[in-house]
C-alpha cells in the first residue's frame, strides 16, 4: 500500500465518511467467516493474519518514520506489551469462533465496551455515566442468552466454552485498548501498530506451540482465507474506520460500527449455515443495545484521546471515541 493509496483513502474519508465507515465495518465482519473457512488452529490463524498484513503496512510506516521520526523506547515497549494482549484477544477469539460460531462470537466480544470503562474505574477511579451502569446488567443477560447458558438447543459445538473464550478475548482486547489510551498520543501510530503485529506474531507462535500447535505451511486454501482476513481487518478495516470516524459524530459512528457484529451474524448464517436459536438472537439484541447505550457521547468518553480516534495505529476498535463493537479488530 503506497502513499498515493493512503492519500486517496484519506480523501474518501473526508468526502464520504459514512460510506467509508460502513465499508470498513463490513470488512471487519468477514473475519470470523474467513478464519472459520481456513480451518486452522488459533496460533496459526493469529500468526498469519499478523504476518500477512505487515508487507502492506510497512510502506506507510516507513513514510511516517521519515515524516515524524522513529519510535521512542517507551513507545516500542508499549507496542510490545499491547501486541501480547492483542495476541491473547486473537487466540481466544479464534477458538471461540470454532465453538460458538463466527456470528455469535462477534456479538459476544462487544462486552469490551463495558470492560474498558470498568478498567478506568478500577485503575484511574474515573466514574462512568449512569446510563453506562444501567447497561451493564443487560449486557450480562445478553451474554448469558447468547452463550446458550439458558435454554436448550443452542447453536455451536461448545457454546458455553465458546462464550468463556469470547469473553476472555474481550478482556484481552480491553487491556489492549486501555494500554493504548494510557500511553498517550506522541506520534508514530502506524509504526506502533506494526510493532503490535510483530509482537502478536511472536506471542502466537509461543502460545500456539503449547495450545493446539502452529502450522507454518497450512496449505494454499488456508493461506488464501487468512490473507483475506489480514487484508479485510488488519489493513483495510481498521484503516477505513480510523480515517473516517474523525469526520462523524460519536452517535453516527456508534450506529455504523454496529454493522460489524450484525454483518458477521448474517454472513455466518449465509456462508456457514450457523443459525442461532431465538434465545441466542434475543441475547444478541441485548448486547447490541447495551453496547450502543454504553458508547453514546457523555462524560466518560470526553477524556479518551480524540487523537487516538484519528490515528490509524490505534486499531479499529479504538478508532473512535465510542468503541462500540470493535471486534477486532477481529
Foldseek 3Di string as FASTA:
>chain_A
DAPVVLVVLLVCLQPPVLVLLLQLLLLFLCLLVLLVQLVDALLALLQLLLVLLCVVLVNVLVVQCVVPNDDDPVLLVLLLVLLLLLLLLSNLLSVLCQFQNQLLLLLLLLCLLLVLVVVCCVPVVDDADPLLVVLVVLLVLLLCLLLVVPDPDFFGNHSVSSSVSSVSSSVSVSVSLNSVQVVDDDGSLSVSLSSSSVSSNVSSQVVQCVPVHHDPPSDDSSSVSSSSSSCSLVPSNLSSQLSNQLNDAQLSSLVSSVCNSVSNNVCCCVVVVGDGDPSSVVSSVSSSVSLSSSQHDDDVLVPGDQVLLNRSNSGNLSVHSRSRRDPDCD
